[in-house]
Amino acid sequence: MDVEIRDEMIRLGQLLKLAGVVEDGAQAREAIEAGEVSVNGEVERRRGRQLHPGDEVALGGERLTVVRA
């Protein structure tokens, strides 16, 4: 699924909330800290990781691609 952003970057926790794959920041933090989230094929444990258009994020069965609006 493509997730459109207006700025040049978005933080990982914000992207997960924007895409609706988590309900809130606490759920995003838990998933990230548990190693359930990958960015560009590598496990990412930093909620504040900066994402840019073209980055791919996976959580469970969801695959998200950051695109510029």
C-alpha atoms as a PDB file:
ATOM      1  CA  MET A   1       0.000   0.000   0.000  1.00  0.00           C
ATOM      2  CA  ASP A   2       1.308   3.467  -0.877  1.00  0.00           C
ATOM      3  CA  VAL A   3       1.293   6.019   1.951  1.00  0.00           C
ATOM      4  CA  GLU A   4       1.430   9.618   0.734  1.00  0.00           C
ATOM      5  CA  ILE A   5       3.376  12.234   2.672  1.00  0.00           C
ATOM      6  CA  ARG A   6       3.454  15.974   2.005  1.00  0.00           C
ATOM      7  CA  ASP A   7       6.825  16.694   3.581  1.00  0.00           C
ATOM      8  CA  GLU A   8      10.201  15.302   2.568  1.00  0.00           C
ATOM      9  CA  MET A   9      10.245  12.829   5.455  1.00  0.00           C
ATOM     10  CA  ILE A  10       8.100  11.187   8.118  1.00  0.00           C
ATOM     11  CA  ARG A  11       9.078   9.315  11.251  1.00  0.00           C
ATOM     12  CA  LEU A  12       8.406   5.594  11.459  1.00  0.00           C
ATOM     13  CA  GLY A  13       5.885   5.776  14.321  1.00  0.00           C
ATOM     14  CA  GLN A  14       3.958   8.507  12.535  1.00  0.00           C
ATOM     15  CA  LEU A  15       3.856   6.507   9.293  1.00  0.00           C
ATOM     16  CA  LEU A  16       2.418   3.445  11.034  1.00  0.00           C
ATOM     17  CA  LYS A  17      -0.349   5.585  12.562  1.00  0.00           C
ATOM     18  CA  LEU A  18      -1.031   7.441   9.297  1.00  0.00           C
ATOM     19  CA  ALA A  19      -1.351   4.154   7.410  1.00  0.00           C
ATOM     20  CA  GLY A  20      -3.736   2.788  10.052  1.00  0.00           C
ATOM     21  CA  VAL A  21      -1.716  -0.356  10.774  1.00  0.00           C
ATOM     22  CA  VAL A  22      -1.526   0.639  14.463  1.00  0.00           C
ATOM     23  CA  GLU A  23      -4.106   2.491  16.525  1.00  0.00           C
ATOM     24  CA  ASP A  24      -1.821   4.849  18.431  1.00  0.00           C
ATOM     25  CA  GLY A  25       1.740   5.758  19.322  1.00  0.00           C
ATOM     26  CA  ALA A  26       1.894   3.239  22.164  1.00  0.00           C
ATOM     27  CA  GLN A  27       1.000   0.382  19.840  1.00  0.00           C
ATOM     28  CA  ALA A  28       3.551   1.632  17.294  1.00  0.00           C
ATOM     29  CA  ARG A  29       6.242   1.751  19.985  1.00  0.00           C
ATOM     30  CA  GLU A  30       5.445  -1.774  21.161  1.00  0.00           C
ATOM     31  CA  ALA A  31       5.616  -3.227  17.639  1.00  0.00           C
ATOM     32  CA  ILE A  32       8.872  -1.418  16.860  1.00  0.00           C
ATOM     33  CA  GLU A  33      10.555  -2.363  20.152  1.00  0.00           C
ATOM     34  CA  ALA A  34       9.474  -5.998  19.682  1.00  0.00           C
ATOM     35  CA  GLY A  35      11.316  -6.109  16.344  1.00  0.00           C
ATOM     36  CA  GLU A  36       8.117  -6.601  14.334  1.00  0.00           C
ATOM     37  CA  VAL A  37       8.799  -3.698  11.942  1.00  0.00           C
ATOM     38  CA  SER A  38      11.293  -3.682   9.090  1.00  0.00           C
ATOM     39  CA  VAL A  39      12.447  -0.802   6.901  1.00  0.00           C
ATOM     40  CA  ASN A  40      13.880  -1.639   3.490  1.00  0.00           C
ATOM     41  CA  GLY A  41      14.210  -5.288   4.552  1.00  0.00           C
ATOM     42  CA  GLU A  42      16.014  -4.685   7.869  1.00  0.00           C
ATOM     43  CA  VAL A  43      14.497  -4.801  11.364  1.00  0.00           C
ATOM     44  CA  GLU A  44      14.171  -1.274  12.730  1.00  0.00           C
ATOM     45  CA  ARG A  45      13.865  -0.588  16.457  1.00  0.00           C
ATOM     46  CA  ARG A  46      13.904   3.240  16.371  1.00  0.00           C
ATOM     47  CA  ARG A  47      10.450   4.814  16.406  1.00  0.00           C
ATOM     48  CA  GLY A  48      11.963   8.105  15.269  1.00  0.00           C
ATOM     49  CA  ARG A  49      13.656   6.631  12.190  1.00  0.00           C
ATOM     50  CA  GLN A  50      13.288   9.100   9.338  1.00  0.00           C
ATOM     51  CA  LEU A  51      11.599   7.716   6.230  1.00  0.00           C
ATOM     52  CA  HIS A  52      11.712   9.259   2.780  1.00  0.00           C
ATOM     53  CA  PRO A  53       9.795   8.614  -0.455  1.00  0.00           C
ATOM     54  CA  GLY A  54      10.773   5.205  -1.804  1.00  0.00           C
ATOM     55  CA  ASP A  55      11.318   3.600   1.614  1.00  0.00           C
ATOM     56  CA  GLU A  56       9.416   0.376   2.243  1.00  0.00           C
ATOM     57  CA  VAL A  57       8.067  -0.624   5.648  1.00  0.00           C
ATOM     58  CA  ALA A  58       6.681  -4.020   6.658  1.00  0.00           C
ATOM     59  CA  LEU A  59       4.637  -4.917   9.740  1.00  0.00           C
ATOM     60  CA  GLY A  60       2.973  -8.297   9.867  1.00  0.00           C
ATOM     61  CA  GLY A  61       1.367  -8.852   6.494  1.00  0.00           C
ATOM     62  CA  GLU A  62       1.253  -5.140   5.652  1.00  0.00           C
ATOM     63  CA  ARG A  63       3.749  -3.633   3.219  1.00  0.00           C
ATOM     64  CA  LEU A  64       3.864   0.141   3.027  1.00  0.00           C
ATOM     65  CA  THR A  65       5.707   2.308   0.519  1.00  0.00           C
ATOM     66  CA  VAL A  66       6.371   5.966   1.301  1.00  0.00           C
ATOM     67  CA  VAL A  67       5.401   8.180  -1.652  1.00  0.00           C
ATOM     68  CA  ARG A  68       5.355  11.932  -2.128  1.00  0.00           C
ATOM     69  CA  ALA A  69       1.855  13.447  -2.348  1.00  0.00           C
END
